[in-house]
Amino acid sequence: PELFARQVARTPDATALAFEDTTLTYRELDARANRLAHWLAGQGV
């Protein structure tokens, strides 16, 4: 997570993920994963 955060800071608007017609930038992927991570922590992860 720390290494990934550094990459997000370096290239926030670069495309991190492409799946068919969907793309997410590093900033977008980071935000989506962060929201889910907070939920996971609430489930005992």
PDB file of all heavy atoms in Angstrom:
ATOM      1  N   PRO A   1       0.809  -1.225   0.000  1.00  0.00           N
ATOM      2  CA  PRO A   1       0.000   0.000   0.000  1.00  0.00           C
ATOM      3  C   PRO A   1       0.838   1.269   0.000  1.00  0.00           C
ATOM      4  O   PRO A   1       0.476   2.266  -0.643  1.00  0.00           O
ATOM      5  CB  PRO A   1      -0.831  -0.125   1.286  1.00  0.00           C
ATOM      6  CG  PRO A   1      -0.929  -1.591   1.521  1.00  0.00           C
ATOM      7  CD  PRO A   1       0.414  -2.136   1.092  1.00  0.00           C
ATOM      8  N   GLU A   2       1.953   1.249   0.692  1.00  0.00           N
ATOM      9  CA  GLU A   2       2.830   2.423   0.721  1.00  0.00           C
ATOM     10  C   GLU A   2       3.487   2.640  -0.634  1.00  0.00           C
ATOM     11  O   GLU A   2       3.575   3.771  -1.134  1.00  0.00           O
ATOM     12  CB  GLU A   2       3.884   2.231   1.806  1.00  0.00           C
ATOM     13  CG  GLU A   2       4.780   3.435   2.017  1.00  0.00           C
ATOM     14  CD  GLU A   2       5.750   3.217   3.164  1.00  0.00           C
ATOM     15  OE1 GLU A   2       5.372   2.558   4.151  1.00  0.00           O
ATOM     16  OE2 GLU A   2       6.894   3.709   3.062  1.00  0.00           O
ATOM     17  N   LEU A   3       3.953   1.571  -1.248  1.00  0.00           N
ATOM     18  CA  LEU A   3       4.566   1.688  -2.575  1.00  0.00           C
ATOM     19  C   LEU A   3       3.554   2.152  -3.605  1.00  0.00           C
ATOM     20  O   LEU A   3       3.865   2.977  -4.479  1.00  0.00           O
ATOM     21  CB  LEU A   3       5.159   0.334  -2.991  1.00  0.00           C
ATOM     22  CG  LEU A   3       6.253  -0.242  -2.083  1.00  0.00           C
ATOM     23  CD1 LEU A   3       6.644  -1.636  -2.555  1.00  0.00           C
ATOM     24  CD2 LEU A   3       7.460   0.672  -2.039  1.00  0.00           C
ATOM     25  N   PHE A   4       2.330   1.643  -3.506  1.00  0.00           N
ATOM     26  CA  PHE A   4       1.282   2.055  -4.439  1.00  0.00           C
ATOM     27  C   PHE A   4       0.931   3.528  -4.242  1.00  0.00           C
ATOM     28  O   PHE A   4       0.713   4.261  -5.215  1.00  0.00           O
ATOM     29  CB  PHE A   4       0.047   1.178  -4.263  1.00  0.00           C
ATOM     30  CG  PHE A   4      -1.067   1.509  -5.224  1.00  0.00           C
ATOM     31  CD1 PHE A   4      -1.008   1.110  -6.549  1.00  0.00           C
ATOM     32  CD2 PHE A   4      -2.177   2.236  -4.793  1.00  0.00           C
ATOM     33  CE1 PHE A   4      -2.024   1.423  -7.444  1.00  0.00           C
ATOM     34  CE2 PHE A   4      -3.200   2.547  -5.672  1.00  0.00           C
ATOM     35  CZ  PHE A   4      -3.126   2.147  -7.002  1.00  0.00           C
ATOM     36  N   ALA A   5       0.866   3.984  -2.995  1.00  0.00           N
ATOM     37  CA  ALA A   5       0.551   5.387  -2.712  1.00  0.00           C
ATOM     38  C   ALA A   5       1.585   6.310  -3.349  1.00  0.00           C
ATOM     39  O   ALA A   5       1.242   7.391  -3.865  1.00  0.00           O
ATOM     40  CB  ALA A   5       0.475   5.617  -1.211  1.00  0.00           C
ATOM     41  N   ARG A   6       2.850   5.898  -3.317  1.00  0.00           N
ATOM     42  CA  ARG A   6       3.885   6.704  -3.961  1.00  0.00           C
ATOM     43  C   ARG A   6       3.645   6.808  -5.468  1.00  0.00           C
ATOM     44  O   ARG A   6       3.859   7.858  -6.078  1.00  0.00           O
ATOM     45  CB  ARG A   6       5.259   6.101  -3.689  1.00  0.00           C
ATOM     46  CG  ARG A   6       5.684   6.102  -2.227  1.00  0.00           C
ATOM     47  CD  ARG A   6       7.028   5.402  -2.068  1.00  0.00           C
ATOM     48  NE  ARG A   6       7.315   5.085  -0.674  1.00  0.00           N
ATOM     49  CZ  ARG A   6       8.321   4.346  -0.276  1.00  0.00           C
ATOM     50  NH1 ARG A   6       9.163   3.836  -1.178  1.00  0.00           N
ATOM     51  NH2 ARG A   6       8.522   4.091   1.008  1.00  0.00           N
ATOM     52  N   GLN A   7       3.197   5.704  -6.063  1.00  0.00           N
ATOM     53  CA  GLN A   7       2.946   5.726  -7.496  1.00  0.00           C
ATOM     54  C   GLN A   7       1.747   6.602  -7.824  1.00  0.00           C
ATOM     55  O   GLN A   7       1.748   7.330  -8.824  1.00  0.00           O
ATOM     56  CB  GLN A   7       2.722   4.310  -8.025  1.00  0.00           C
ATOM     57  CG  GLN A   7       2.622   4.234  -9.540  1.00  0.00           C
ATOM     58  CD  GLN A   7       3.860   4.797 -10.221  1.00  0.00           C
ATOM     59  OE1 GLN A   7       4.969   4.354  -9.964  1.00  0.00           O
ATOM     60  NE2 GLN A   7       3.670   5.777 -11.084  1.00  0.00           N
ATOM     61  N   VAL A   8       0.709   6.544  -6.996  1.00  0.00           N
ATOM     62  CA  VAL A   8      -0.454   7.405  -7.212  1.00  0.00           C
ATOM     63  C   VAL A   8      -0.032   8.872  -7.171  1.00  0.00           C
ATOM     64  O   VAL A   8      -0.481   9.685  -7.988  1.00  0.00           O
ATOM     65  CB  VAL A   8      -1.548   7.130  -6.155  1.00  0.00           C
ATOM     66  CG1 VAL A   8      -2.692   8.132  -6.288  1.00  0.00           C
ATOM     67  CG2 VAL A   8      -2.078   5.704  -6.291  1.00  0.00           C
ATOM     68  N   ALA A   9       0.838   9.216  -6.233  1.00  0.00           N
ATOM     69  CA  ALA A   9       1.320  10.593  -6.130  1.00  0.00           C
ATOM     70  C   ALA A   9       2.125  10.990  -7.361  1.00  0.00           C
ATOM     71  O   ALA A   9       2.090  12.152  -7.790  1.00  0.00           O
ATOM     72  CB  ALA A   9       2.158  10.760  -4.870  1.00  0.00           C
ATOM     73  N   ARG A  10       2.856  10.030  -7.958  1.00  0.00           N
ATOM     74  CA  ARG A  10       3.672  10.339  -9.130  1.00  0.00           C
ATOM     75  C   ARG A  10       2.829  10.494 -10.393  1.00  0.00           C
ATOM     76  O   ARG A  10       3.061  11.394 -11.198  1.00  0.00           O
ATOM     77  CB  ARG A  10       4.724   9.246  -9.349  1.00  0.00           C
ATOM     78  CG  ARG A  10       5.886   9.265  -8.363  1.00  0.00           C
ATOM     79  CD  ARG A  10       7.025   8.363  -8.844  1.00  0.00           C
ATOM     80  NE  ARG A  10       6.692   6.964  -8.793  1.00  0.00           N
ATOM     81  CZ  ARG A  10       7.028   6.148  -7.794  1.00  0.00           C
ATOM     82  NH1 ARG A  10       7.672   6.618  -6.742  1.00  0.00           N
ATOM     83  NH2 ARG A  10       6.715   4.870  -7.823  1.00  0.00           N
ATOM     84  N   THR A  11       1.874   9.587 -10.577  1.00  0.00           N
ATOM     85  CA  THR A  11       1.116   9.584 -11.847  1.00  0.00           C
ATOM     86  C   THR A  11      -0.385   9.440 -11.577  1.00  0.00           C
ATOM     87  O   THR A  11      -1.004   8.455 -11.973  1.00  0.00           O
ATOM     88  CB  THR A  11       1.587   8.425 -12.744  1.00  0.00           C
ATOM     89  OG1 THR A  11       1.421   7.174 -12.024  1.00  0.00           O
ATOM     90  CG2 THR A  11       3.048   8.580 -13.144  1.00  0.00           C
ATOM     91  N   PRO A  12      -1.008  10.411 -10.890  1.00  0.00           N
ATOM     92  CA  PRO A  12      -2.418  10.264 -10.503  1.00  0.00           C
ATOM     93  C   PRO A  12      -3.383  10.140 -11.678  1.00  0.00           C
ATOM     94  O   PRO A  12      -4.421   9.470 -11.556  1.00  0.00           O
ATOM     95  CB  PRO A  12      -2.695  11.533  -9.689  1.00  0.00           C
ATOM     96  CG  PRO A  12      -1.670  12.514 -10.168  1.00  0.00           C
ATOM     97  CD  PRO A  12      -0.458  11.706 -10.474  1.00  0.00           C
ATOM     98  N   ASP A  13      -3.058  10.757 -12.801  1.00  0.00           N
ATOM     99  CA  ASP A  13      -3.999  10.780 -13.918  1.00  0.00           C
ATOM    100  C   ASP A  13      -3.662   9.782 -15.019  1.00  0.00           C
ATOM    101  O   ASP A  13      -4.348   9.722 -16.040  1.00  0.00           O
ATOM    102  CB  ASP A  13      -4.067  12.200 -14.508  1.00  0.00           C
ATOM    103  CG  ASP A  13      -4.572  13.203 -13.482  1.00  0.00           C
ATOM    104  OD1 ASP A  13      -5.546  12.881 -12.772  1.00  0.00           O
ATOM    105  OD2 ASP A  13      -3.973  14.287 -13.377  1.00  0.00           O
ATOM    106  N   ALA A  14      -2.619   8.980 -14.807  1.00  0.00           N
ATOM    107  CA  ALA A  14      -2.310   7.908 -15.764  1.00  0.00           C
ATOM    108  C   ALA A  14      -3.310   6.780 -15.594  1.00  0.00           C
ATOM    109  O   ALA A  14      -3.911   6.602 -14.530  1.00  0.00           O
ATOM    110  CB  ALA A  14      -0.892   7.399 -15.528  1.00  0.00           C
ATOM    111  N   THR A  15      -3.520   6.007 -16.645  1.00  0.00           N
ATOM    112  CA  THR A  15      -4.464   4.889 -16.585  1.00  0.00           C
ATOM    113  C   THR A  15      -3.826   3.721 -15.847  1.00  0.00           C
ATOM    114  O   THR A  15      -2.802   3.197 -16.259  1.00  0.00           O
ATOM    115  CB  THR A  15      -4.876   4.441 -17.996  1.00  0.00           C
ATOM    116  OG1 THR A  15      -5.475   5.545 -18.674  1.00  0.00           O
ATOM    117  CG2 THR A  15      -5.885   3.301 -17.917  1.00  0.00           C
ATOM    118  N   ALA A  16      -4.468   3.313 -14.754  1.00  0.00           N
ATOM    119  CA  ALA A  16      -3.965   2.202 -13.952  1.00  0.00           C
ATOM    120  C   ALA A  16      -4.573   0.874 -14.362  1.00  0.00           C
ATOM    121  O   ALA A  16      -3.922  -0.171 -14.277  1.00  0.00           O
ATOM    122  CB  ALA A  16      -4.261   2.447 -12.472  1.00  0.00           C
ATOM    123  N   LEU A  17      -5.827   0.902 -14.820  1.00  0.00           N
ATOM    124  CA  LEU A  17      -6.554  -0.336 -15.095  1.00  0.00           C
ATOM    125  C   LEU A  17      -7.426  -0.169 -16.328  1.00  0.00           C
ATOM    126  O   LEU A  17      -8.120   0.845 -16.482  1.00  0.00           O
ATOM    127  CB  LEU A  17      -7.433  -0.707 -13.891  1.00  0.00           C
ATOM    128  CG  LEU A  17      -8.278  -1.974 -14.016  1.00  0.00           C
ATOM    129  CD1 LEU A  17      -7.386  -3.217 -14.058  1.00  0.00           C
ATOM    130  CD2 LEU A  17      -9.265  -2.087 -12.857  1.00  0.00           C
ATOM    131  N   ALA A  18      -7.375  -1.173 -17.199  1.00  0.00           N
ATOM    132  CA  ALA A  18      -8.263  -1.223 -18.361  1.00  0.00           C
ATOM    133  C   ALA A  18      -8.937  -2.584 -18.384  1.00  0.00           C
ATOM    134  O   ALA A  18      -8.258  -3.613 -18.346  1.00  0.00           O
ATOM    135  CB  ALA A  18      -7.474  -0.989 -19.652  1.00  0.00           C
ATOM    136  N   PHE A  19     -10.258  -2.573 -18.422  1.00  0.00           N
ATOM    137  CA  PHE A  19     -11.029  -3.818 -18.518  1.00  0.00           C
ATOM    138  C   PHE A  19     -12.144  -3.580 -19.523  1.00  0.00           C
ATOM    139  O   PHE A  19     -13.076  -2.804 -19.267  1.00  0.00           O
ATOM    140  CB  PHE A  19     -11.618  -4.215 -17.164  1.00  0.00           C
ATOM    141  CG  PHE A  19     -12.391  -5.515 -17.199  1.00  0.00           C
ATOM    142  CD1 PHE A  19     -11.745  -6.732 -16.995  1.00  0.00           C
ATOM    143  CD2 PHE A  19     -13.755  -5.520 -17.460  1.00  0.00           C
ATOM    144  CE1 PHE A  19     -12.447  -7.925 -17.053  1.00  0.00           C
ATOM    145  CE2 PHE A  19     -14.475  -6.711 -17.512  1.00  0.00           C
ATOM    146  CZ  PHE A  19     -13.819  -7.913 -17.315  1.00  0.00           C
ATOM    147  N   GLU A  20     -12.003  -4.189 -20.687  1.00  0.00           N
ATOM    148  CA  GLU A  20     -12.949  -3.972 -21.766  1.00  0.00           C
ATOM    149  C   GLU A  20     -13.080  -2.459 -22.036  1.00  0.00           C
ATOM    150  O   GLU A  20     -12.109  -1.813 -22.344  1.00  0.00           O
ATOM    151  CB  GLU A  20     -14.302  -4.613 -21.431  1.00  0.00           C
ATOM    152  CG  GLU A  20     -14.210  -6.124 -21.190  1.00  0.00           C
ATOM    153  CD  GLU A  20     -13.929  -6.933 -22.444  1.00  0.00           C
ATOM    154  OE1 GLU A  20     -12.757  -6.870 -22.910  1.00  0.00           O
ATOM    155  OE2 GLU A  20     -14.832  -7.637 -22.925  1.00  0.00           O
ATOM    156  N   ASP A  21     -14.285  -1.892 -21.872  1.00  0.00           N
ATOM    157  CA  ASP A  21     -14.485  -0.469 -22.158  1.00  0.00           C
ATOM    158  C   ASP A  21     -14.294   0.422 -20.933  1.00  0.00           C
ATOM    159  O   ASP A  21     -14.477   1.640 -21.006  1.00  0.00           O
ATOM    160  CB  ASP A  21     -15.892  -0.230 -22.719  1.00  0.00           C
ATOM    161  CG  ASP A  21     -16.099  -0.921 -24.071  1.00  0.00           C
ATOM    162  OD1 ASP A  21     -15.103  -1.046 -24.818  1.00  0.00           O
ATOM    163  OD2 ASP A  21     -17.234  -1.328 -24.360  1.00  0.00           O
ATOM    164  N   THR A  22     -13.930  -0.162 -19.795  1.00  0.00           N
ATOM    165  CA  THR A  22     -13.777   0.595 -18.558  1.00  0.00           C
ATOM    166  C   THR A  22     -12.309   0.865 -18.280  1.00  0.00           C
ATOM    167  O   THR A  22     -11.474  -0.028 -18.414  1.00  0.00           O
ATOM    168  CB  THR A  22     -14.373  -0.180 -17.362  1.00  0.00           C
ATOM    169  OG1 THR A  22     -15.765  -0.409 -17.602  1.00  0.00           O
ATOM    170  CG2 THR A  22     -14.209   0.601 -16.068  1.00  0.00           C
ATOM    171  N   THR A  23     -12.001   2.106 -17.904  1.00  0.00           N
ATOM    172  CA  THR A  23     -10.649   2.448 -17.486  1.00  0.00           C
ATOM    173  C   THR A  23     -10.722   3.211 -16.163  1.00  0.00           C
ATOM    174  O   THR A  23     -11.686   3.924 -15.900  1.00  0.00           O
ATOM    175  CB  THR A  23      -9.912   3.313 -18.521  1.00  0.00           C
ATOM    176  OG1 THR A  23     -10.640   4.536 -18.728  1.00  0.00           O
ATOM    177  CG2 THR A  23      -9.760   2.581 -19.844  1.00  0.00           C
ATOM    178  N   LEU A  24      -9.705   3.039 -15.341  1.00  0.00           N
ATOM    179  CA  LEU A  24      -9.573   3.783 -14.090  1.00  0.00           C
ATOM    180  C   LEU A  24      -8.175   4.385 -14.035  1.00  0.00           C
ATOM    181  O   LEU A  24      -7.190   3.704 -14.333  1.00  0.00           O
ATOM    182  CB  LEU A  24      -9.768   2.870 -12.876  1.00  0.00           C
ATOM    183  CG  LEU A  24     -11.159   2.267 -12.628  1.00  0.00           C
ATOM    184  CD1 LEU A  24     -11.112   1.358 -11.398  1.00  0.00           C
ATOM    185  CD2 LEU A  24     -12.210   3.340 -12.461  1.00  0.00           C
ATOM    186  N   THR A  25      -8.095   5.650 -13.668  1.00  0.00           N
ATOM    187  CA  THR A  25      -6.791   6.258 -13.437  1.00  0.00           C
ATOM    188  C   THR A  25      -6.267   5.783 -12.087  1.00  0.00           C
ATOM    189  O   THR A  25      -6.990   5.178 -11.289  1.00  0.00           O
ATOM    190  CB  THR A  25      -6.886   7.788 -13.428  1.00  0.00           C
ATOM    191  OG1 THR A  25      -7.671   8.195 -12.297  1.00  0.00           O
ATOM    192  CG2 THR A  25      -7.507   8.314 -14.711  1.00  0.00           C
ATOM    193  N   TYR A  26      -5.000   6.096 -11.833  1.00  0.00           N
ATOM    194  CA  TYR A  26      -4.446   5.736 -10.529  1.00  0.00           C
ATOM    195  C   TYR A  26      -5.217   6.429  -9.407  1.00  0.00           C
ATOM    196  O   TYR A  26      -5.474   5.826  -8.356  1.00  0.00           O
ATOM    197  CB  TYR A  26      -2.957   6.112 -10.468  1.00  0.00           C
ATOM    198  CG  TYR A  26      -2.070   5.031 -11.050  1.00  0.00           C
ATOM    199  CD1 TYR A  26      -1.821   4.963 -12.414  1.00  0.00           C
ATOM    200  CD2 TYR A  26      -1.514   4.052 -10.240  1.00  0.00           C
ATOM    201  CE1 TYR A  26      -1.034   3.962 -12.956  1.00  0.00           C
ATOM    202  CE2 TYR A  26      -0.717   3.044 -10.763  1.00  0.00           C
ATOM    203  CZ  TYR A  26      -0.477   2.996 -12.121  1.00  0.00           C
ATOM    204  OH  TYR A  26       0.287   1.987 -12.656  1.00  0.00           O
ATOM    205  N   ARG A  27      -5.624   7.674  -9.616  1.00  0.00           N
ATOM    206  CA  ARG A  27      -6.390   8.389  -8.606  1.00  0.00           C
ATOM    207  C   ARG A  27      -7.746   7.715  -8.363  1.00  0.00           C
ATOM    208  O   ARG A  27      -8.177   7.534  -7.229  1.00  0.00           O
ATOM    209  CB  ARG A  27      -6.586   9.841  -9.055  1.00  0.00           C
ATOM    210  CG  ARG A  27      -7.139  10.768  -7.977  1.00  0.00           C
ATOM    211  CD  ARG A  27      -7.709  12.057  -8.589  1.00  0.00           C
ATOM    212  NE  ARG A  27      -6.853  12.646  -9.599  1.00  0.00           N
ATOM    213  CZ  ARG A  27      -5.889  13.526  -9.364  1.00  0.00           C
ATOM    214  NH1 ARG A  27      -5.639  13.895  -8.112  1.00  0.00           N
ATOM    215  NH2 ARG A  27      -5.181  14.023 -10.357  1.00  0.00           N
ATOM    216  N   GLU A  28      -8.413   7.324  -9.451  1.00  0.00           N
ATOM    217  CA  GLU A  28      -9.725   6.702  -9.330  1.00  0.00           C
ATOM    218  C   GLU A  28      -9.648   5.320  -8.690  1.00  0.00           C
ATOM    219  O   GLU A  28     -10.460   4.967  -7.825  1.00  0.00           O
ATOM    220  CB  GLU A  28     -10.377   6.606 -10.713  1.00  0.00           C
ATOM    221  CG  GLU A  28     -10.762   7.952 -11.299  1.00  0.00           C
ATOM    222  CD  GLU A  28     -11.118   7.870 -12.778  1.00  0.00           C
ATOM    223  OE1 GLU A  28     -10.661   6.915 -13.462  1.00  0.00           O
ATOM    224  OE2 GLU A  28     -11.821   8.774 -13.268  1.00  0.00           O
ATOM    225  N   LEU A  29      -8.671   4.530  -9.105  1.00  0.00           N
ATOM    226  CA  LEU A  29      -8.490   3.200  -8.520  1.00  0.00           C
ATOM    227  C   LEU A  29      -8.179   3.312  -7.037  1.00  0.00           C
ATOM    228  O   LEU A  29      -8.718   2.556  -6.208  1.00  0.00           O
ATOM    229  CB  LEU A  29      -7.361   2.463  -9.247  1.00  0.00           C
ATOM    230  CG  LEU A  29      -6.960   1.099  -8.677  1.00  0.00           C
ATOM    231  CD1 LEU A  29      -8.125   0.120  -8.707  1.00  0.00           C
ATOM    232  CD2 LEU A  29      -5.767   0.528  -9.459  1.00  0.00           C
ATOM    233  N   ASP A  30      -7.329   4.268  -6.680  1.00  0.00           N
ATOM    234  CA  ASP A  30      -6.967   4.473  -5.286  1.00  0.00           C
ATOM    235  C   ASP A  30      -8.187   4.823  -4.438  1.00  0.00           C
ATOM    236  O   ASP A  30      -8.381   4.266  -3.348  1.00  0.00           O
ATOM    237  CB  ASP A  30      -5.920   5.586  -5.203  1.00  0.00           C
ATOM    238  CG  ASP A  30      -5.319   5.746  -3.829  1.00  0.00           C
ATOM    239  OD1 ASP A  30      -4.839   4.737  -3.276  1.00  0.00           O
ATOM    240  OD2 ASP A  30      -5.332   6.866  -3.293  1.00  0.00           O
ATOM    241  N   ALA A  31      -9.023   5.731  -4.937  1.00  0.00           N
ATOM    242  CA  ALA A  31     -10.203   6.148  -4.178  1.00  0.00           C
ATOM    243  C   ALA A  31     -11.186   5.001  -3.994  1.00  0.00           C
ATOM    244  O   ALA A  31     -11.732   4.804  -2.896  1.00  0.00           O
ATOM    245  CB  ALA A  31     -10.875   7.327  -4.885  1.00  0.00           C
ATOM    246  N   ARG A  32     -11.425   4.231  -5.052  1.00  0.00           N
ATOM    247  CA  ARG A  32     -12.356   3.108  -4.942  1.00  0.00           C
ATOM    248  C   ARG A  32     -11.846   2.054  -3.968  1.00  0.00           C
ATOM    249  O   ARG A  32     -12.604   1.518  -3.155  1.00  0.00           O
ATOM    250  CB  ARG A  32     -12.610   2.490  -6.322  1.00  0.00           C
ATOM    251  CG  ARG A  32     -13.500   3.340  -7.212  1.00  0.00           C
ATOM    252  CD  ARG A  32     -13.857   2.668  -8.512  1.00  0.00           C
ATOM    253  NE  ARG A  32     -14.541   1.386  -8.332  1.00  0.00           N
ATOM    254  CZ  ARG A  32     -15.158   0.742  -9.315  1.00  0.00           C
ATOM    255  NH1 ARG A  32     -15.161   1.251 -10.548  1.00  0.00           N
ATOM    256  NH2 ARG A  32     -15.738  -0.409  -9.105  1.00  0.00           N
ATOM    257  N   ALA A  33     -10.553   1.766  -4.050  1.00  0.00           N
ATOM    258  CA  ALA A  33      -9.978   0.766  -3.145  1.00  0.00           C
ATOM    259  C   ALA A  33      -9.972   1.276  -1.701  1.00  0.00           C
ATOM    260  O   ALA A  33     -10.203   0.493  -0.771  1.00  0.00           O
ATOM    261  CB  ALA A  33      -8.561   0.409  -3.586  1.00  0.00           C
ATOM    262  N   ASN A  34      -9.750   2.561  -1.515  1.00  0.00           N
ATOM    263  CA  ASN A  34      -9.763   3.114  -0.160  1.00  0.00           C
ATOM    264  C   ASN A  34     -11.139   2.985   0.479  1.00  0.00           C
ATOM    265  O   ASN A  34     -11.250   2.635   1.666  1.00  0.00           O
ATOM    266  CB  ASN A  34      -9.338   4.587  -0.185  1.00  0.00           C
ATOM    267  CG  ASN A  34      -7.840   4.763  -0.362  1.00  0.00           C
ATOM    268  OD1 ASN A  34      -7.068   3.863  -0.064  1.00  0.00           O
ATOM    269  ND2 ASN A  34      -7.425   5.919  -0.836  1.00  0.00           N
ATOM    270  N   ARG A  35     -12.175   3.280  -0.260  1.00  0.00           N
ATOM    271  CA  ARG A  35     -13.531   3.163   0.294  1.00  0.00           C
ATOM    272  C   ARG A  35     -13.821   1.718   0.704  1.00  0.00           C
ATOM    273  O   ARG A  35     -14.379   1.473   1.773  1.00  0.00           O
ATOM    274  CB  ARG A  35     -14.556   3.662  -0.727  1.00  0.00           C
ATOM    275  CG  ARG A  35     -14.528   5.165  -0.959  1.00  0.00           C
ATOM    276  CD  ARG A  35     -15.725   5.637  -1.766  1.00  0.00           C
ATOM    277  NE  ARG A  35     -15.743   7.083  -1.879  1.00  0.00           N
ATOM    278  CZ  ARG A  35     -15.280   7.762  -2.927  1.00  0.00           C
ATOM    279  NH1 ARG A  35     -14.765   7.096  -3.964  1.00  0.00           N
ATOM    280  NH2 ARG A  35     -15.321   9.075  -2.953  1.00  0.00           N
ATOM    281  N   LEU A  36     -13.459   0.792  -0.159  1.00  0.00           N
ATOM    282  CA  LEU A  36     -13.686  -0.609   0.178  1.00  0.00           C
ATOM    283  C   LEU A  36     -12.807  -1.035   1.351  1.00  0.00           C
ATOM    284  O   LEU A  36     -13.244  -1.821   2.214  1.00  0.00           O
ATOM    285  CB  LEU A  36     -13.412  -1.499  -1.039  1.00  0.00           C
ATOM    286  CG  LEU A  36     -13.632  -3.005  -0.846  1.00  0.00           C
ATOM    287  CD1 LEU A  36     -15.029  -3.308  -0.325  1.00  0.00           C
ATOM    288  CD2 LEU A  36     -13.369  -3.758  -2.155  1.00  0.00           C
ATOM    289  N   ALA A  37     -11.591  -0.513   1.425  1.00  0.00           N
ATOM    290  CA  ALA A  37     -10.689  -0.860   2.529  1.00  0.00           C
ATOM    291  C   ALA A  37     -11.273  -0.418   3.868  1.00  0.00           C
ATOM    292  O   ALA A  37     -11.164  -1.133   4.872  1.00  0.00           O
ATOM    293  CB  ALA A  37      -9.318  -0.219   2.307  1.00  0.00           C
ATOM    294  N   HIS A  38     -11.898   0.752   3.907  1.00  0.00           N
ATOM    295  CA  HIS A  38     -12.539   1.205   5.151  1.00  0.00           C
ATOM    296  C   HIS A  38     -13.667   0.256   5.543  1.00  0.00           C
ATOM    297  O   HIS A  38     -13.833  -0.080   6.730  1.00  0.00           O
ATOM    298  CB  HIS A  38     -13.074   2.631   4.980  1.00  0.00           C
ATOM    299  CG  HIS A  38     -12.026   3.686   5.116  1.00  0.00           C
ATOM    300  ND1 HIS A  38     -11.524   4.100   6.331  1.00  0.00           N
ATOM    301  CD2 HIS A  38     -11.370   4.425   4.166  1.00  0.00           C
ATOM    302  CE1 HIS A  38     -10.612   5.048   6.136  1.00  0.00           C
ATOM    303  NE2 HIS A  38     -10.498   5.252   4.831  1.00  0.00           N
ATOM    304  N   TRP A  39     -14.434  -0.190   4.555  1.00  0.00           N
ATOM    305  CA  TRP A  39     -15.521  -1.142   4.839  1.00  0.00           C
ATOM    306  C   TRP A  39     -14.944  -2.458   5.348  1.00  0.00           C
ATOM    307  O   TRP A  39     -15.450  -3.027   6.311  1.00  0.00           O
ATOM    308  CB  TRP A  39     -16.357  -1.375   3.586  1.00  0.00           C
ATOM    309  CG  TRP A  39     -17.496  -2.323   3.790  1.00  0.00           C
ATOM    310  CD1 TRP A  39     -18.740  -2.031   4.266  1.00  0.00           C
ATOM    311  CD2 TRP A  39     -17.488  -3.739   3.540  1.00  0.00           C
ATOM    312  NE1 TRP A  39     -19.517  -3.164   4.324  1.00  0.00           N
ATOM    313  CE2 TRP A  39     -18.776  -4.225   3.889  1.00  0.00           C
ATOM    314  CE3 TRP A  39     -16.546  -4.633   3.058  1.00  0.00           C
ATOM    315  CZ2 TRP A  39     -19.123  -5.571   3.764  1.00  0.00           C
ATOM    316  CZ3 TRP A  39     -16.880  -5.963   2.932  1.00  0.00           C
ATOM    317  CH2 TRP A  39     -18.157  -6.433   3.281  1.00  0.00           C
ATOM    318  N   LEU A  40     -13.874  -2.922   4.712  1.00  0.00           N
ATOM    319  CA  LEU A  40     -13.247  -4.178   5.136  1.00  0.00           C
ATOM    320  C   LEU A  40     -12.741  -4.081   6.562  1.00  0.00           C
ATOM    321  O   LEU A  40     -12.899  -5.020   7.357  1.00  0.00           O
ATOM    322  CB  LEU A  40     -12.088  -4.520   4.192  1.00  0.00           C
ATOM    323  CG  LEU A  40     -12.452  -4.954   2.772  1.00  0.00           C
ATOM    324  CD1 LEU A  40     -11.204  -5.010   1.902  1.00  0.00           C
ATOM    325  CD2 LEU A  40     -13.165  -6.292   2.766  1.00  0.00           C
ATOM    326  N   ALA A  41     -12.128  -2.957   6.895  1.00  0.00           N
ATOM    327  CA  ALA A  41     -11.638  -2.780   8.260  1.00  0.00           C
ATOM    328  C   ALA A  41     -12.784  -2.882   9.267  1.00  0.00           C
ATOM    329  O   ALA A  41     -12.612  -3.438  10.361  1.00  0.00           O
ATOM    330  CB  ALA A  41     -10.930  -1.431   8.389  1.00  0.00           C
ATOM    331  N   GLY A  42     -13.949  -2.378   8.882  1.00  0.00           N
ATOM    332  CA  GLY A  42     -15.119  -2.484   9.744  1.00  0.00           C
ATOM    333  C   GLY A  42     -15.634  -3.903   9.892  1.00  0.00           C
ATOM    334  O   GLY A  42     -16.381  -4.202  10.841  1.00  0.00           O
ATOM    335  N   GLN A  43     -15.224  -4.781   8.988  1.00  0.00           N
ATOM    336  CA  GLN A  43     -15.618  -6.196   9.051  1.00  0.00           C
ATOM    337  C   GLN A  43     -14.573  -7.047   9.767  1.00  0.00           C
ATOM    338  O   GLN A  43     -14.696  -8.271   9.818  1.00  0.00           O
ATOM    339  CB  GLN A  43     -15.835  -6.752   7.640  1.00  0.00           C
ATOM    340  CG  GLN A  43     -16.749  -5.937   6.756  1.00  0.00           C
ATOM    341  CD  GLN A  43     -18.119  -5.732   7.363  1.00  0.00           C
ATOM    342  OE1 GLN A  43     -18.791  -6.696   7.747  1.00  0.00           O
ATOM    343  NE2 GLN A  43     -18.539  -4.476   7.467  1.00  0.00           N
ATOM    344  N   GLY A  44     -13.556  -6.408  10.318  1.00  0.00           N
ATOM    345  CA  GLY A  44     -12.537  -7.141  11.074  1.00  0.00           C
ATOM    346  C   GLY A  44     -11.279  -7.459  10.311  1.00  0.00           C
ATOM    347  O   GLY A  44     -10.419  -8.205  10.806  1.00  0.00           O
ATOM    348  N   VAL A  45     -11.111  -6.906   9.103  1.00  0.00           N
ATOM    349  CA  VAL A  45      -9.905  -7.168   8.316  1.00  0.00           C
ATOM    350  C   VAL A  45      -8.775  -6.279   8.834  1.00  0.00           C
ATOM    351  O   VAL A  45      -8.950  -5.076   9.045  1.00  0.00           O
ATOM    352  CB  VAL A  45     -10.148  -6.907   6.821  1.00  0.00           C
ATOM    353  CG1 VAL A  45      -8.865  -7.125   6.016  1.00  0.00           C
ATOM    354  CG2 VAL A  45     -11.259  -7.809   6.306  1.00  0.00           C
TER     355      VAL A  45
END
